[in-house]
C-alpha atoms as a PDB file:
ATOM      1  CA  MET A   1       0.000   0.000   0.000  1.00  0.00           C
ATOM      2  CA  LEU A   2       1.566   3.287  -1.100  1.00  0.00           C
ATOM      3  CA  ILE A   3       0.257   6.582   0.225  1.00  0.00           C
ATOM      4  CA  SER A   4       1.601   9.816  -1.238  1.00  0.00           C
ATOM      5  CA  GLU A   5      -0.057  12.236   1.136  1.00  0.00           C
ATOM      6  CA  ALA A   6      -2.095  11.922   4.269  1.00  0.00           C
ATOM      7  CA  SER A   7      -3.334  14.402   6.827  1.00  0.00           C
ATOM      8  CA  THR A   8      -4.868  11.956   9.241  1.00  0.00           C
ATOM      9  CA  LEU A   9      -4.523   8.264   9.952  1.00  0.00           C
ATOM     10  CA  ARG A  10      -6.028   8.486  13.394  1.00  0.00           C
ATOM     11  CA  ALA A  11      -6.637   5.024  14.868  1.00  0.00           C
ATOM     12  CA  GLN A  12      -6.121   3.400  11.458  1.00  0.00           C
ATOM     13  CA  PHE A  13      -4.812  -0.162  11.107  1.00  0.00           C
ATOM     14  CA  LEU A  14      -1.898  -0.047   8.652  1.00  0.00           C
ATOM     15  CA  ASN A  15       0.038  -3.177   9.431  1.00  0.00           C
ATOM     16  CA  GLY A  16       2.888  -3.855   6.968  1.00  0.00           C
ATOM     17  CA  CYS A  17       2.103  -0.939   4.644  1.00  0.00           C
ATOM     18  CA  ASN A  18       4.540   0.789   2.306  1.00  0.00           C
ATOM     19  CA  LEU A  19       4.576   4.398   3.473  1.00  0.00           C
ATOM     20  CA  ALA A  20       8.158   5.206   2.469  1.00  0.00           C
ATOM     21  CA  GLY A  21       8.660   8.858   1.583  1.00  0.00           C
ATOM     22  CA  CYS A  22       5.176   9.955   2.646  1.00  0.00           C
ATOM     23  CA  GLU A  23       4.606  13.353   4.214  1.00  0.00           C
ATOM     24  CA  PHE A  24       2.707  13.535   7.477  1.00  0.00           C
ATOM     25  CA  VAL A  25       3.526  17.136   8.359  1.00  0.00           C
ATOM     26  CA  GLU A  26       1.233  18.013  11.273  1.00  0.00           C
ATOM     27  CA  GLY A  27      -0.620  14.790  10.495  1.00  0.00           C
ATOM     28  CA  ASP A  28      -2.746  13.008  13.076  1.00  0.00           C
ATOM     29  CA  LEU A  29      -1.391   9.494  13.738  1.00  0.00           C
ATOM     30  CA  HIS A  30      -2.898   9.210  17.190  1.00  0.00           C
ATOM     31  CA  ARG A  31      -3.244   5.491  18.089  1.00  0.00           C
ATOM     32  CA  ALA A  32      -2.508   4.457  14.483  1.00  0.00           C
ATOM     33  CA  PHE A  33      -1.227   0.888  14.171  1.00  0.00           C
ATOM     34  CA  LEU A  34       1.854   1.033  11.930  1.00  0.00           C
ATOM     35  CA  ALA A  35       3.536  -2.212  12.949  1.00  0.00           C
ATOM     36  CA  GLY A  36       5.832  -3.673  10.306  1.00  0.00           C
ATOM     37  CA  SER A  37       5.317  -0.747   7.937  1.00  0.00           C
ATOM     38  CA  ASP A  38       8.046   0.795   5.794  1.00  0.00           C
ATOM     39  CA  MET A  39       8.273   4.495   6.714  1.00  0.00           C
ATOM     40  CA  ARG A  40      11.811   5.216   5.532  1.00  0.00           C
ATOM     41  CA  GLY A  41      12.320   8.876   4.698  1.00  0.00           C
ATOM     42  CA  CYS A  42       8.885   9.933   5.918  1.00  0.00           C
ATOM     43  CA  ASP A  43       8.346  13.495   7.094  1.00  0.00           C
ATOM     44  CA  LEU A  44       6.785  13.328  10.548  1.00  0.00           C
ATOM     45  CA  SER A  45       7.326  17.014  11.362  1.00  0.00           C
ATOM     46  CA  ARG A  46       4.928  18.016  14.140  1.00  0.00           C
ATOM     47  CA  ALA A  47       2.908  14.832  13.606  1.00  0.00           C
ATOM     48  CA  GLU A  48       0.719  13.648  16.465  1.00  0.00           C
ATOM     49  CA  LEU A  49       2.336  10.385  17.589  1.00  0.00           C
ATOM     50  CA  ASP A  50       0.621   9.829  20.913  1.00  0.00           C
ATOM     51  CA  GLY A  51      -0.239   6.142  21.184  1.00  0.00           C
ATOM     52  CA  THR A  52       1.071   5.367  17.692  1.00  0.00           C
ATOM     53  CA  VAL A  53       2.249   1.751  17.513  1.00  0.00           C
ATOM     54  CA  PHE A  54       5.656   1.361  15.839  1.00  0.00           C
ATOM     55  CA  THR A  55       6.377  -2.329  16.480  1.00  0.00           C
ATOM     56  CA  GLY A  56       8.873  -3.430  13.824  1.00  0.00           C
ATOM     57  CA  THR A  57       8.368  -0.271  11.738  1.00  0.00           C
ATOM     58  CA  ASN A  58      11.254   0.889   9.549  1.00  0.00           C
ATOM     59  CA  LEU A  59      11.870   4.508  10.565  1.00  0.00           C
ATOM     60  CA  GLU A  60      15.299   5.023   9.044  1.00  0.00           C
ATOM     61  CA  ASN A  61      15.987   8.624   7.980  1.00  0.00           C
ATOM     62  CA  VAL A  62      12.560   9.935   9.035  1.00  0.00           C
ATOM     63  CA  LYS A  63      12.260  13.640   9.654  1.00  0.00           C
ATOM     64  CA  LEU A  64      11.248  13.968  13.269  1.00  0.00           C
ATOM     65  CA  LEU A  65      10.727  17.012  15.467  1.00  0.00           C
ATOM     66  CA  ALA A  66      10.965  17.098  19.248  1.00  0.00           C
ATOM     67  CA  TYR A  67       7.380  18.358  19.336  1.00  0.00           C
ATOM     68  CA  SER A  68       6.000  14.937  18.393  1.00  0.00           C
ATOM     69  CA  LEU A  69       7.703  13.299  21.396  1.00  0.00           C
ATOM     70  CA  SER A  70       7.095  16.030  23.954  1.00  0.00           C
ATOM     71  CA  TYR A  71       4.266  17.269  26.133  1.00  0.00           C
ATOM     72  CA  GLY A  72       3.095  13.836  27.225  1.00  0.00           C
ATOM     73  CA  ARG A  73       3.028  12.211  23.799  1.00  0.00           C
ATOM     74  CA  GLU A  74       3.834   8.507  24.176  1.00  0.00           C
ATOM     75  CA  PRO A  75       4.503   6.419  21.038  1.00  0.00           C
ATOM     76  CA  VAL A  76       4.342   2.665  21.568  1.00  0.00           C
ATOM     77  CA  ASN A  77       7.305   0.284  21.067  1.00  0.00           C
ATOM     78  CA  LEU A  78       9.656   2.938  19.724  1.00  0.00           C
ATOM     79  CA  GLU A  79      13.130   1.357  19.490  1.00  0.00           C
ATOM     80  CA  ALA A  80      16.522   2.656  18.384  1.00  0.00           C
ATOM     81  CA  SER A  81      16.843  -0.285  15.980  1.00  0.00           C
ATOM     82  CA  LEU A  82      13.805   1.009  14.052  1.00  0.00           C
ATOM     83  CA  PHE A  83      15.939   3.948  12.877  1.00  0.00           C
ATOM     84  CA  GLY A  84      18.537   1.669  11.257  1.00  0.00           C
ATOM     85  CA  ASP A  85      21.052  -1.029  12.086  1.00  0.00           C
ATOM     86  CA  PHE A  86      24.094  -0.753  14.321  1.00  0.00           C
ATOM     87  CA  LYS A  87      27.017  -1.364  11.968  1.00  0.00           C
ATOM     88  CA  PHE A  88      30.737  -0.732  12.014  1.00  0.00           C
ATOM     89  CA  SER A  89      30.436   2.302   9.742  1.00  0.00           C
ATOM     90  CA  SER A  90      26.932   3.516  10.603  1.00  0.00           C
ATOM     91  CA  CYS A  91      24.281   3.506  13.289  1.00  0.00           C
ATOM     92  CA  PRO A  92      20.547   4.224  13.555  1.00  0.00           C
ATOM     93  CA  HIS A  93      19.613   7.788  12.635  1.00  0.00           C
ATOM     94  CA  ILE A  94      16.790  10.127  11.793  1.00  0.00           C
ATOM     95  CA  ASN A  95      16.976  12.756   9.063  1.00  0.00           C
ATOM     96  CA  GLU A  96      19.978  14.914  10.004  1.00  0.00           C
ATOM     97  CA  SER A  97      19.912  17.389   7.108  1.00  0.00           C
ATOM     98  CA  GLU A  98      19.011  20.120   9.598  1.00  0.00           C
ATOM     99  CA  PRO A  99      21.162  19.485  12.713  1.00  0.00           C
ATOM    100  CA  TYR A 100      19.522  22.255  14.740  1.00  0.00           C
ATOM    101  CA  VAL A 101      16.214  20.385  14.293  1.00  0.00           C
ATOM    102  CA  ALA A 102      17.572  16.847  14.666  1.00  0.00           C
ATOM    103  CA  GLY A 103      19.438  17.687  17.894  1.00  0.00           C
ATOM    104  CA  PRO A 104      16.307  18.449  19.969  1.00  0.00           C
ATOM    105  CA  ALA A 105      14.592  15.422  18.402  1.00  0.00           C
ATOM    106  CA  TYR A 106      17.396  13.166  19.641  1.00  0.00           C
ATOM    107  CA  ARG A 107      17.133  14.843  23.047  1.00  0.00           C
ATOM    108  CA  SER A 108      13.440  13.980  23.187  1.00  0.00           C
ATOM    109  CA  LEU A 109      14.202  10.402  22.147  1.00  0.00           C
ATOM    110  CA  LYS A 110      16.754  10.250  24.977  1.00  0.00           C
ATOM    111  CA  ALA A 111      14.119  11.388  27.469  1.00  0.00           C
ATOM    112  CA  TYR A 112      11.658   8.873  26.001  1.00  0.00           C
ATOM    113  CA  PHE A 113      14.062   5.954  26.480  1.00  0.00           C
ATOM    114  CA  ILE A 114      15.171   7.089  29.948  1.00  0.00           C
ATOM    115  CA  GLY A 115      11.527   7.230  30.990  1.00  0.00           C
ATOM    116  CA  ARG A 116      11.284   3.539  30.138  1.00  0.00           C
ATOM    117  CA  GLY A 117      14.531   2.572  31.792  1.00  0.00           C
ATOM    118  CA  ASP A 118      16.085   1.731  28.419  1.00  0.00           C
ATOM    119  CA  TYR A 119      19.503   3.234  29.071  1.00  0.00           C
ATOM    120  CA  ASP A 120      21.303   1.610  26.149  1.00  0.00           C
ATOM    121  CA  ARG A 121      19.030   3.310  23.651  1.00  0.00           C
ATOM    122  CA  ALA A 122      19.104   6.514  25.700  1.00  0.00           C
ATOM    123  CA  SER A 123      22.886   6.410  25.347  1.00  0.00           C
ATOM    124  CA  TRP A 124      22.559   6.129  21.554  1.00  0.00           C
ATOM    125  CA  ALA A 125      20.218   9.133  21.470  1.00  0.00           C
ATOM    126  CA  ALA A 126      22.508  11.157  23.750  1.00  0.00           C
ATOM    127  CA  PHE A 127      25.519  10.446  21.533  1.00  0.00           C
ATOM    128  CA  SER A 128      23.570  11.396  18.396  1.00  0.00           C
ATOM    129  CA  GLU A 129      22.387  14.595  20.083  1.00  0.00           C
ATOM    130  CA  LYS A 130      25.996  15.636  20.716  1.00  0.00           C
ATOM    131  CA  LEU A 131      26.911  14.921  17.098  1.00  0.00           C
ATOM    132  CA  MET A 132      24.171  17.310  15.989  1.00  0.00           C
ATOM    133  CA  GLU A 133      25.381  19.960  18.429  1.00  0.00           C
ATOM    134  CA  ARG A 134      28.853  19.632  16.914  1.00  0.00           C
ATOM    135  CA  LYS A 135      27.485  20.139  13.408  1.00  0.00           C
ATOM    136  CA  VAL A 136      25.663  23.255  14.570  1.00  0.00           C
ATOM    137  CA  LEU A 137      28.915  24.623  16.035  1.00  0.00           C
ATOM    138  CA  TRP A 138      30.645  24.144  12.689  1.00  0.00           C
ATOM    139  CA  ALA A 139      27.775  25.747  10.764  1.00  0.00           C
ATOM    140  CA  ASN A 140      27.891  28.763  13.110  1.00  0.00           C
ATOM    141  CA  GLY A 141      31.636  29.175  12.676  1.00  0.00           C
ATOM    142  CA  GLN A 142      32.402  28.322  16.311  1.00  0.00           C
ATOM    143  CA  TYR A 143      35.559  26.427  15.463  1.00  0.00           C
ATOM    144  CA  GLY A 144      37.137  26.468  18.936  1.00  0.00           C
ATOM    145  CA  PRO A 145      34.180  24.739  20.647  1.00  0.00           C
ATOM    146  CA  TRP A 146      33.873  22.497  17.577  1.00  0.00           C
ATOM    147  CA  ILE A 147      37.461  21.257  18.021  1.00  0.00           C
ATOM    148  CA  CYS A 148      36.867  20.612  21.742  1.00  0.00           C
ATOM    149  CA  SER A 149      33.678  18.713  20.916  1.00  0.00           C
ATOM    150  CA  LYS A 150      35.456  16.728  18.211  1.00  0.00           C
ATOM    151  CA  VAL A 151      38.278  15.706  20.561  1.00  0.00           C
ATOM    152  CA  PHE A 152      35.910  14.841  23.411  1.00  0.00           C
ATOM    153  CA  GLY A 153      33.814  12.738  21.058  1.00  0.00           C
ATOM    154  CA  ALA A 154      36.845  10.925  19.693  1.00  0.00           C
ATOM    155  CA  ILE A 155      38.278  10.174  23.136  1.00  0.00           C
ATOM    156  CA  CYS A 156      35.172   8.997  24.968  1.00  0.00           C
ATOM    157  CA  GLY A 157      32.137   9.345  22.693  1.00  0.00           C
ATOM    158  CA  TYR A 158      30.768  12.209  24.802  1.00  0.00           C
ATOM    159  CA  GLY A 159      30.789  10.009  27.879  1.00  0.00           C
ATOM    160  CA  GLU A 160      28.715   7.310  26.180  1.00  0.00           C
ATOM    161  CA  LEU A 161      31.400   4.980  24.752  1.00  0.00           C
ATOM    162  CA  PRO A 162      33.872   3.601  27.333  1.00  0.00           C
ATOM    163  CA  VAL A 163      35.487   1.495  24.599  1.00  0.00           C
ATOM    164  CA  ARG A 164      36.763   4.688  22.994  1.00  0.00           C
ATOM    165  CA  VAL A 165      38.562   5.595  26.218  1.00  0.00           C
ATOM    166  CA  VAL A 166      40.301   2.211  26.139  1.00  0.00           C
ATOM    167  CA  ALA A 167      41.204   2.644  22.467  1.00  0.00           C
ATOM    168  CA  SER A 168      42.472   6.178  23.135  1.00  0.00           C
ATOM    169  CA  SER A 169      44.600   4.895  26.008  1.00  0.00           C
ATOM    170  CA  LEU A 170      46.215   2.209  23.870  1.00  0.00           C
ATOM    171  CA  GLY A 171      46.829   4.705  21.084  1.00  0.00           C
ATOM    172  CA  GLY A 172      48.384   7.204  23.501  1.00  0.00           C
ATOM    173  CA  ILE A 173      50.668   4.566  25.008  1.00  0.00           C
ATOM    174  CA  LEU A 174      51.856   3.558  21.537  1.00  0.00           C
ATOM    175  CA  ILE A 175      52.460   7.146  20.422  1.00  0.00           C
ATOM    176  CA  PHE A 176      54.506   7.980  23.520  1.00  0.00           C
ATOM    177  CA  ALA A 177      56.445   4.737  23.146  1.00  0.00           C
ATOM    178  CA  VAL A 178      57.420   5.651  19.590  1.00  0.00           C
ATOM    179  CA  ALA A 179      58.425   9.145  20.753  1.00  0.00           C
ATOM    180  CA  PHE A 180      60.587   7.738  23.562  1.00  0.00           C
ATOM    181  CA  TRP A 181      62.207   5.298  21.152  1.00  0.00           C
ATOM    182  CA  LEU A 182      62.883   7.688  18.270  1.00  0.00           C
ATOM    183  CA  GLY A 183      64.072  10.411  20.626  1.00  0.00           C
ATOM    184  CA  ASN A 184      66.526   8.083  22.420  1.00  0.00           C
ATOM    185  CA  CYS A 185      64.957   9.226  25.662  1.00  0.00           C
ATOM    186  CA  LEU A 186      65.437   6.032  27.705  1.00  0.00           C
ATOM    187  CA  SER A 187      68.326   4.001  29.041  1.00  0.00           C
ATOM    188  CA  ARG A 188      69.050   1.229  31.524  1.00  0.00           C
ATOM    189  CA  PRO A 189      70.671   2.433  34.780  1.00  0.00           C
ATOM    190  CA  ALA A 190      72.833  -0.657  35.128  1.00  0.00           C
ATOM    191  CA  GLY A 191      74.455  -0.799  31.726  1.00  0.00           C
ATOM    192  CA  GLY A 192      73.558   2.607  30.364  1.00  0.00           C
ATOM    193  CA  ARG A 193      72.390   1.006  27.102  1.00  0.00           C
ATOM    194  CA  VAL A 194      69.845   2.938  25.071  1.00  0.00           C
ATOM    195  CA  ALA A 195      66.503   1.163  25.264  1.00  0.00           C
ATOM    196  CA  GLY A 196      64.835  -0.322  22.170  1.00  0.00           C
ATOM    197  CA  PHE A 197      61.245  -0.018  20.993  1.00  0.00           C
ATOM    198  CA  TRP A 198      59.854  -2.818  23.170  1.00  0.00           C
ATOM    199  CA  ASP A 199      61.566  -1.311  26.199  1.00  0.00           C
ATOM    200  CA  ALA A 200      60.033   2.039  25.294  1.00  0.00           C
ATOM    201  CA  LEU A 201      56.584   0.433  24.962  1.00  0.00           C
ATOM    202  CA  TYR A 202      56.994  -1.226  28.353  1.00  0.00           C
ATOM    203  CA  PHE A 203      58.112   2.046  29.947  1.00  0.00           C
ATOM    204  CA  SER A 204      55.247   3.973  28.314  1.00  0.00           C
ATOM    205  CA  THR A 205      52.687   1.453  29.598  1.00  0.00           C
ATOM    206  CA  CYS A 206      54.022   1.618  33.141  1.00  0.00           C
ATOM    207  CA  LEU A 207      54.230   5.418  33.096  1.00  0.00           C
ATOM    208  CA  PHE A 208      50.671   5.754  31.746  1.00  0.00           C
ATOM    209  CA  ALA A 209      49.429   3.495  34.552  1.00  0.00           C
ATOM    210  CA  GLY A 210      51.401   5.432  37.154  1.00  0.00           C
ATOM    211  CA  VAL A 211      53.779   2.542  37.899  1.00  0.00           C
ATOM    212  CA  SER A 212      57.593   2.638  37.867  1.00  0.00           C
ATOM    213  CA  PHE A 213      60.008  -0.262  38.428  1.00  0.00           C
ATOM    214  CA  GLY A 214      63.300   1.616  38.000  1.00  0.00           C
ATOM    215  CA  ASP A 215      64.767  -0.737  35.393  1.00  0.00           C
ATOM    216  CA  LEU A 216      64.359   1.982  32.752  1.00  0.00           C
ATOM    217  CA  VAL A 217      64.986   5.679  33.300  1.00  0.00           C
ATOM    218  CA  PRO A 218      64.512   8.744  31.095  1.00  0.00           C
ATOM    219  CA  SER A 219      67.507  10.719  29.983  1.00  0.00           C
ATOM    220  CA  GLY A 220      67.989  14.251  31.232  1.00  0.00           C
ATOM    221  CA  SER A 221      67.091  15.853  27.905  1.00  0.00           C
ATOM    222  CA  TRP A 222      64.286  18.381  27.627  1.00  0.00           C
ATOM    223  CA  LEU A 223      62.419  16.065  25.252  1.00  0.00           C
ATOM    224  CA  ALA A 224      62.504  13.181  27.731  1.00  0.00           C
ATOM    225  CA  ARG A 225      61.260  15.399  30.550  1.00  0.00           C
ATOM    226  CA  LEU A 226      58.507  16.817  28.353  1.00  0.00           C
ATOM    227  CA  LEU A 227      57.314  13.368  27.253  1.00  0.00           C
ATOM    228  CA  VAL A 228      57.382  11.925  30.784  1.00  0.00           C
ATOM    229  CA  SER A 229      55.398  14.873  32.165  1.00  0.00           C
ATOM    230  CA  ALA A 230      52.882  14.799  29.329  1.00  0.00           C
ATOM    231  CA  GLU A 231      52.224  11.061  29.544  1.00  0.00           C
ATOM    232  CA  ALA A 232      51.956  11.081  33.324  1.00  0.00           C
ATOM    233  CA  LEU A 233      49.327  13.810  33.172  1.00  0.00           C
ATOM    234  CA  SER A 234      47.562  12.069  30.275  1.00  0.00           C
ATOM    235  CA  GLY A 235      47.336   8.844  32.270  1.00  0.00           C
ATOM    236  CA  ILE A 236      45.727  10.597  35.234  1.00  0.00           C
ATOM    237  CA  PHE A 237      43.273  12.401  32.952  1.00  0.00           C
ATOM    238  CA  VAL A 238      42.286   9.313  30.949  1.00  0.00           C
ATOM    239  CA  PHE A 239      41.765   7.120  34.016  1.00  0.00           C
ATOM    240  CA  GLY A 240      39.488   9.779  35.486  1.00  0.00           C
ATOM    241  CA  LEU A 241      37.678  10.064  32.170  1.00  0.00           C
ATOM    242  CA  PHE A 242      37.208   6.293  32.008  1.00  0.00           C
ATOM    243  CA  ILE A 243      35.625   6.234  35.471  1.00  0.00           C
ATOM    244  CA  PHE A 244      33.362   9.128  34.500  1.00  0.00           C
ATOM    245  CA  THR A 245      32.318   7.444  31.252  1.00  0.00           C
ATOM    246  CA  VAL A 246      31.581   4.060  32.813  1.00  0.00           C
ATOM    247  CA  THR A 247      29.654   5.693  35.640  1.00  0.00           C
ATOM    248  CA  LYS A 248      27.594   7.816  33.259  1.00  0.00           C
ATOM    249  CA  ARG A 249      27.003   4.983  30.814  1.00  0.00           C
ATOM    250  CA  TYR A 250      25.999   2.247  33.253  1.00  0.00           C
ATOM    251  CA  VAL A 251      25.173   3.830  36.610  1.00  0.00           C
ATOM    252  CA  ALA A 252      24.315   7.523  36.581  1.00  0.00           C
ATOM    253  CA  ARG A 253      21.126   7.334  34.529  1.00  0.00           C
END
């Protein structure tokens, strides 16, 4: 069933219908049964979605406004997976052509999922909300805040992706190890021999974790002192960030 335009589908039974690309701007979908329907690319701007049943509905790339999920409106069986699949290179999403509109919509989805105790999907919506905020910063020419947002997102996924903190830690340890090695910044106290790459990696790991065994020492050069200070501070910062991210992701909500 293909519908090109519709102003009201109030309480209609539309199980498994093809509604892809339809426009429901300010449409009335109150208590409509849309289970299993294909609604990819639909425009649901300001649509009335209170009681609308979305079980198994394909909602990928729909245009959605916060209005339709606010002020007590309660769609039924709205899931993050309805907006697309979680893949390595992509994740569920609504229409993001207008970030300043999509951002509040994601915020409303976050509140919707939190209200149901579905914190995993709330985390997805929160992360997507921050991505939209970053796009708005770029569009407004606020490049300083944009860079900070970009770095924070890369390091910890805006507090929603602890795995990124782990990946950032491993990357930082490797980078400092290469710097120690190429800069000849380490030696063994006993023999005075310049340490190799694997020694540098071992030293970098221990330094990042705040542990020192004394079998490797930095040279007295300014580069060695700079690298040791920078990695020590980075380790403290990243461990604190990891605790914050895990707490926010799994406990705080």
